[in-house]
Amino acid sequence: MFVSIFLLICVATHASELELFTENFPPYNFIGHNEIIGINADILSRACLIADIDCTVSLLPWSRAYKAASVMQNSGVFSTSRNEQRENEFIWVGPLVSSNTCFYRLKTRSDIVVTNSDSLKNYTVGISRNDIYEKVLQNKGFQKGINYLTYSKKHEDTKVFKNGKLDLIIGSSVTLASQLGSAGIKLEDVVPVFELKDDSLVGNFLALNKTTDPIIAAKLQDAIDQLKATGEFESIISSYIGTTTFSDNPLPSNLEPCVDGKANY
């Protein structure tokens, strides 16, 4: 069973084995038709059913969703980027679906020329506060307040980017349309300039509180593996991801991952 609870943490009217949290981040997880849906939400819905685990899910701002899963017994948060800093904080189930990360500029900003990772630091980029990419940027030599700025609300940087007060944004071809749409920007109005590669990022997962029964984690992992083996995993992805088109084509081969709309898992 996969029951959606919206906008706040609440006590279920029946005992559930697992309480899951996530944020509004289309197409991975979002509200549609008055329920929480999306690529990773649907995958976990099926996994809970296959594993015969009674799951509930709540949609919250990311910081609250993450904190809830960190402190509540028998809980979890998705779609959570897995990295070294978080590795020992959770029990990890997955991977779920993620996509390649890139830097993008406005098409009108032809003055922005990026040839390598060092030249990225000639420009400014924005991210949400406590975003997974902040540590990645720091490791690549970016300095807060100089090369990158942080914002309290998700995609607030995209609105600043639209107004020309930021040179670049970070996104992916899978999530970019939604990200840009939040600021009224069309997909064809941006151009990828550089792929952000980092070995510390290994994709999106379900991160379970460490008090969670290992049997529950194992059942969910087996269910996800089964979905992949039967092709249902790929079918769920295909139902959400269409063709991504940009105005500036063809692109150099090294930038193709920034526009191909390919899901990773």
Foldseek 3Di string as FASTA:
>chain_A
DEAEDEADDDDDPDDFQAEEEEEDFPQQWHDDPNGIHHLVSVLLVQLCVQLVGGYYYYYYAPVVRVVCQQPDARYWYPQDWAFDVCPPSFDWADDAKDAFKFKKFFPVPPVQADDDLVSLQVFAEEAAPPDPCVVVCVVSPHDEPRRYDYDPHGLPRLLCRVVVNGGIYMDAQQRVQVSNVVNPDHQQRMDTRATRDDPRTDHTTITGGPNRDVVVSVSSNVSSVVCVVVVVSVVSLVVRFDAFDYPDPDDPPRCCSRTGNDMDD
